[in-house]
Protein backbone atom coordinates (compact mmCIF):
# COMPACT_ATOMS: atom_id res chain seq x y z
CA MET A 1 -0.32 0.07 -0.01
CA THR A 2 0.85 3.32 -0.55
CA PHE A 3 0.26 6.80 1.22
CA VAL A 4 -1.05 9.51 -1.50
CA LEU A 5 -1.52 13.17 -0.78
CA GLU A 6 -3.46 15.21 -3.01
CA GLY A 7 -5.09 19.00 -2.57
CA TYR A 8 -4.02 22.36 -3.49
CA ILE A 9 -2.11 25.36 -2.33
CA ARG A 10 -3.08 29.00 -2.55
CA VAL A 11 -0.03 31.49 -2.99
CA PRO A 12 -0.09 35.08 -1.81
CA PRO A 13 -0.27 37.03 -5.08
CA GLU A 14 2.64 39.14 -3.97
CA GLU A 15 4.82 35.66 -3.23
CA LEU A 16 3.90 34.12 -6.66
CA GLU A 17 7.28 34.99 -8.62
CA ASN A 18 9.12 33.71 -5.38
CA ILE A 19 7.03 30.39 -5.61
CA LYS A 20 7.56 29.92 -9.04
CA ASN A 21 11.01 30.63 -9.00
CA ASN A 22 11.83 28.12 -6.58
CA LEU A 23 9.06 25.13 -7.54
CA GLU A 24 11.30 22.83 -10.13
CA GLU A 25 13.72 22.48 -7.24
CA HIS A 26 11.40 21.41 -5.12
CA ILE A 27 9.90 18.99 -6.92
CA GLN A 28 13.35 17.61 -8.01
CA ASN A 29 14.72 17.63 -4.48
CA THR A 30 11.37 15.62 -3.48
CA LEU A 31 11.61 13.00 -6.57
CA ASN A 32 15.12 12.33 -5.41
CA GLU A 33 14.04 11.43 -2.08
CA PRO A 34 13.79 7.78 -1.16
CA GLY A 35 9.98 6.74 -0.91
CA CYS A 36 8.79 9.03 -3.11
CA LEU A 37 6.69 7.26 -6.23
CA GLU A 38 5.27 10.24 -7.96
CA PHE A 39 5.06 13.80 -7.12
CA ARG A 40 3.19 16.69 -9.23
CA VAL A 41 2.54 20.15 -8.67
CA GLU A 42 0.48 21.76 -11.73
CA ARG A 43 -0.71 25.51 -12.25
CA ASP A 44 -4.48 25.81 -11.95
CA GLY A 45 -5.78 26.60 -15.48
CA THR A 46 -7.93 29.73 -14.33
CA ASP A 47 -6.50 30.94 -10.92
CA GLU A 48 -2.78 31.78 -10.95
CA CYS A 49 -2.26 31.60 -7.48
CA VAL A 50 -3.22 27.76 -6.85
CA PHE A 51 -1.36 24.68 -7.53
CA HIS A 52 -2.49 21.19 -7.71
CA VAL A 53 -0.64 18.81 -5.64
CA PHE A 54 -0.38 15.01 -6.00
CA GLU A 55 2.02 13.20 -3.74
CA ARG A 56 2.43 9.28 -3.75
CA PHE A 57 5.24 7.75 -1.47
CA ARG A 58 6.07 3.94 -0.51
CA ASP A 59 4.53 4.41 2.77
CA LYS A 60 3.63 6.65 5.48
CA ASP A 61 7.15 6.80 7.22
CA ALA A 62 8.37 7.92 3.81
CA PHE A 63 6.25 10.71 3.18
CA ASP A 64 6.77 11.73 7.09
CA ALA A 65 10.47 11.79 5.99
CA HIS A 66 9.19 13.93 3.25
CA GLN A 67 7.28 16.67 5.63
CA GLN A 68 10.35 16.63 7.83
CA ARG A 69 12.71 17.43 5.36
CA VAL A 70 10.44 20.53 3.97
CA LYS A 71 9.92 21.86 6.83
CA THR A 72 13.62 22.62 7.09
CA SER A 73 14.00 23.21 3.57
CA HIS A 74 14.54 26.72 1.80
CA TRP A 75 11.06 25.36 -0.20
CA GLY A 76 9.56 25.38 3.63
CA ALA A 77 10.59 29.18 4.03
CA VAL A 78 9.35 30.54 1.00
CA THR A 79 5.92 28.55 1.11
CA GLN A 80 5.53 29.46 5.30
CA ASN A 81 2.31 31.80 3.84
CA VAL A 82 0.76 29.56 1.39
CA GLU A 83 -2.63 27.92 1.97
CA ARG A 84 -2.54 24.50 2.00
CA VAL A 85 -5.37 22.24 1.65
CA TYR A 86 -4.79 18.37 1.23
CA LYS A 87 -6.54 15.18 1.71
CA GLU A 88 -4.61 11.90 2.90
CA ARG A 89 -5.37 8.47 2.03
CA ILE A 90 -3.69 5.00 1.62
CA GLU A 91 -4.36 2.99 -1.33
């Protein structure tokens, strides 16, 4: 069974450029993590401040390790003001 997180982030308009400039590095860092099976962040088609997120990890432990890394990363600092709306599930 895998651990899945799905939802979106809403970025404050004044922080949008900074988020866009750092997103690709965050995606690559996450894809390189042990236990990451799939990781996508895609911009919404109508609201430029919304990014849809899909994450699939080998298990909850791998996901928890990802969360810990993000909290102390540059991406964690850059995104401290974004609204996060996620649902988690086991597949």
